[in-house]
Amino acid sequence: MDISFFWIAVGLSAMGYLIGDGLKNFGNPKASFSEYPTLIKEKDLHLHVGLTKEEVAELLQKFPDAPKVELKGSTYYPYQRFMDWMSSGEIYKK
């Protein structure tokens, strides 16, 4: 009978530790993953920015200095930098 109280105490201690550890970062959670890809291929960019293929092609032609990365002949756009660039107002000044 005494051994069952021991296991209940161990279980409650473990539960208290795990809950306390989880509450430490409750106000400031860190996401371990992003719901958006880091690099987007040029052909898939329209799917992530909410524009048509033609609009994205026109945007990229008009603004060749958009944030991009070229690897082995393929052009990729870093999602977060590209969205920051689009929302910065730089493209609306011209």
C-alpha atoms as a PDB file:
ATOM      1  CA  MET A   1       0.000   0.000   0.000  1.00  0.00           C
ATOM      2  CA  ASP A   2       2.863   2.365   0.752  1.00  0.00           C
ATOM      3  CA  ILE A   3       4.445   1.717  -2.655  1.00  0.00           C
ATOM      4  CA  SER A   4       1.326   2.986  -4.475  1.00  0.00           C
ATOM      5  CA  PHE A   5       1.574   6.315  -2.613  1.00  0.00           C
ATOM      6  CA  PHE A   6       5.168   6.521  -3.745  1.00  0.00           C
ATOM      7  CA  TRP A   7       4.184   6.205  -7.424  1.00  0.00           C
ATOM      8  CA  ILE A   8       1.394   8.743  -6.997  1.00  0.00           C
ATOM      9  CA  ALA A   9       3.906  11.173  -5.479  1.00  0.00           C
ATOM     10  CA  VAL A  10       6.371  10.562  -8.326  1.00  0.00           C
ATOM     11  CA  GLY A  11       3.625  11.110 -10.899  1.00  0.00           C
ATOM     12  CA  LEU A  12       2.451  14.331  -9.264  1.00  0.00           C
ATOM     13  CA  SER A  13       6.025  15.589  -9.026  1.00  0.00           C
ATOM     14  CA  ALA A  14       6.649  14.889 -12.717  1.00  0.00           C
ATOM     15  CA  MET A  15       3.359  16.534 -13.681  1.00  0.00           C
ATOM     16  CA  GLY A  16       4.186  19.617 -11.603  1.00  0.00           C
ATOM     17  CA  TYR A  17       7.618  19.878 -13.179  1.00  0.00           C
ATOM     18  CA  LEU A  18       6.294  19.571 -16.733  1.00  0.00           C
ATOM     19  CA  ILE A  19       3.492  22.074 -16.188  1.00  0.00           C
ATOM     20  CA  GLY A  20       5.865  24.530 -14.519  1.00  0.00           C
ATOM     21  CA  ASP A  21       8.383  24.161 -17.322  1.00  0.00           C
ATOM     22  CA  GLY A  22       5.671  24.782 -19.898  1.00  0.00           C
ATOM     23  CA  LEU A  23       4.400  27.889 -18.096  1.00  0.00           C
ATOM     24  CA  LYS A  24       7.848  29.521 -18.024  1.00  0.00           C
ATOM     25  CA  ASN A  25       7.557  30.512 -21.677  1.00  0.00           C
ATOM     26  CA  PHE A  26       3.782  30.886 -21.828  1.00  0.00           C
ATOM     27  CA  GLY A  27       3.898  34.632 -22.548  1.00  0.00           C
ATOM     28  CA  ASN A  28       6.737  34.390 -25.063  1.00  0.00           C
ATOM     29  CA  PRO A  29       6.519  31.157 -27.032  1.00  0.00           C
ATOM     30  CA  LYS A  30       9.230  30.324 -29.524  1.00  0.00           C
ATOM     31  CA  ALA A  31       8.094  28.626 -32.680  1.00  0.00           C
ATOM     32  CA  SER A  32      10.414  25.810 -33.592  1.00  0.00           C
ATOM     33  CA  PHE A  33       9.098  25.753 -37.130  1.00  0.00           C
ATOM     34  CA  SER A  34       7.699  28.199 -39.609  1.00  0.00           C
ATOM     35  CA  GLU A  35       4.470  27.654 -41.420  1.00  0.00           C
ATOM     36  CA  TYR A  36       6.049  29.260 -44.484  1.00  0.00           C
ATOM     37  CA  PRO A  37       9.041  27.959 -46.404  1.00  0.00           C
ATOM     38  CA  THR A  38      12.299  29.818 -46.039  1.00  0.00           C
ATOM     39  CA  LEU A  39      13.057  29.929 -49.766  1.00  0.00           C
ATOM     40  CA  ILE A  40      10.415  29.969 -52.482  1.00  0.00           C
ATOM     41  CA  LYS A  41      11.079  29.095 -56.096  1.00  0.00           C
ATOM     42  CA  GLU A  42      10.308  31.855 -58.561  1.00  0.00           C
ATOM     43  CA  LYS A  43       7.638  29.750 -60.273  1.00  0.00           C
ATOM     44  CA  ASP A  44       5.817  29.253 -56.928  1.00  0.00           C
ATOM     45  CA  LEU A  45       6.088  32.821 -55.650  1.00  0.00           C
ATOM     46  CA  HIS A  46       2.595  33.775 -56.769  1.00  0.00           C
ATOM     47  CA  LEU A  47       1.108  31.108 -54.488  1.00  0.00           C
ATOM     48  CA  HIS A  48       2.659  32.682 -51.392  1.00  0.00           C
ATOM     49  CA  VAL A  49       2.141  36.385 -52.032  1.00  0.00           C
ATOM     50  CA  GLY A  50      -1.484  36.255 -53.171  1.00  0.00           C
ATOM     51  CA  LEU A  51      -0.940  37.547 -56.698  1.00  0.00           C
ATOM     52  CA  THR A  52      -1.435  36.009 -60.113  1.00  0.00           C
ATOM     53  CA  LYS A  53       1.502  34.677 -62.117  1.00  0.00           C
ATOM     54  CA  GLU A  54       1.263  37.640 -64.473  1.00  0.00           C
ATOM     55  CA  GLU A  55       1.259  40.154 -61.618  1.00  0.00           C
ATOM     56  CA  VAL A  56       4.308  38.549 -60.015  1.00  0.00           C
ATOM     57  CA  ALA A  57       6.131  38.495 -63.365  1.00  0.00           C
ATOM     58  CA  GLU A  58       5.347  42.202 -63.858  1.00  0.00           C
ATOM     59  CA  LEU A  59       6.443  43.012 -60.295  1.00  0.00           C
ATOM     60  CA  LEU A  60       9.750  41.187 -60.699  1.00  0.00           C
ATOM     61  CA  GLN A  61      10.378  42.780 -64.084  1.00  0.00           C
ATOM     62  CA  LYS A  62       9.656  46.259 -62.734  1.00  0.00           C
ATOM     63  CA  PHE A  63      11.754  45.717 -59.573  1.00  0.00           C
ATOM     64  CA  PRO A  64      14.807  43.591 -60.403  1.00  0.00           C
ATOM     65  CA  ASP A  65      16.351  44.532 -57.031  1.00  0.00           C
ATOM     66  CA  ALA A  66      13.777  42.481 -55.100  1.00  0.00           C
ATOM     67  CA  PRO A  67      15.435  40.286 -52.446  1.00  0.00           C
ATOM     68  CA  LYS A  68      16.424  37.018 -54.083  1.00  0.00           C
ATOM     69  CA  VAL A  69      18.990  34.251 -54.004  1.00  0.00           C
ATOM     70  CA  GLU A  70      20.364  32.529 -57.087  1.00  0.00           C
ATOM     71  CA  LEU A  71      21.638  28.978 -56.655  1.00  0.00           C
ATOM     72  CA  LYS A  72      22.763  26.743 -59.513  1.00  0.00           C
ATOM     73  CA  GLY A  73      20.824  28.759 -62.071  1.00  0.00           C
ATOM     74  CA  SER A  74      17.566  28.794 -60.104  1.00  0.00           C
ATOM     75  CA  THR A  75      16.137  31.898 -58.473  1.00  0.00           C
ATOM     76  CA  TYR A  76      14.707  31.651 -54.974  1.00  0.00           C
ATOM     77  CA  TYR A  77      13.046  34.323 -52.880  1.00  0.00           C
ATOM     78  CA  PRO A  78      13.479  34.349 -49.088  1.00  0.00           C
ATOM     79  CA  TYR A  79       9.891  34.505 -47.892  1.00  0.00           C
ATOM     80  CA  GLN A  80      10.265  36.778 -44.865  1.00  0.00           C
ATOM     81  CA  ARG A  81      12.634  39.242 -46.559  1.00  0.00           C
ATOM     82  CA  PHE A  82      10.433  39.370 -49.656  1.00  0.00           C
ATOM     83  CA  MET A  83       7.290  40.043 -47.604  1.00  0.00           C
ATOM     84  CA  ASP A  84       9.127  42.718 -45.579  1.00  0.00           C
ATOM     85  CA  TRP A  85      10.282  44.300 -48.839  1.00  0.00           C
ATOM     86  CA  MET A  86       6.754  44.291 -50.250  1.00  0.00           C
ATOM     87  CA  SER A  87       5.304  45.852 -47.107  1.00  0.00           C
ATOM     88  CA  SER A  88       8.099  48.426 -46.718  1.00  0.00           C
ATOM     89  CA  GLY A  89       6.518  50.784 -49.226  1.00  0.00           C
ATOM     90  CA  GLU A  90       9.637  50.836 -51.408  1.00  0.00           C
ATOM     91  CA  ILE A  91       7.713  49.469 -54.375  1.00  0.00           C
ATOM     92  CA  TYR A  92       4.974  52.068 -53.997  1.00  0.00           C
ATOM     93  CA  LYS A  93       7.288  55.094 -54.288  1.00  0.00           C
ATOM     94  CA  LYS A  94       7.909  54.679 -58.014  1.00  0.00           C
END
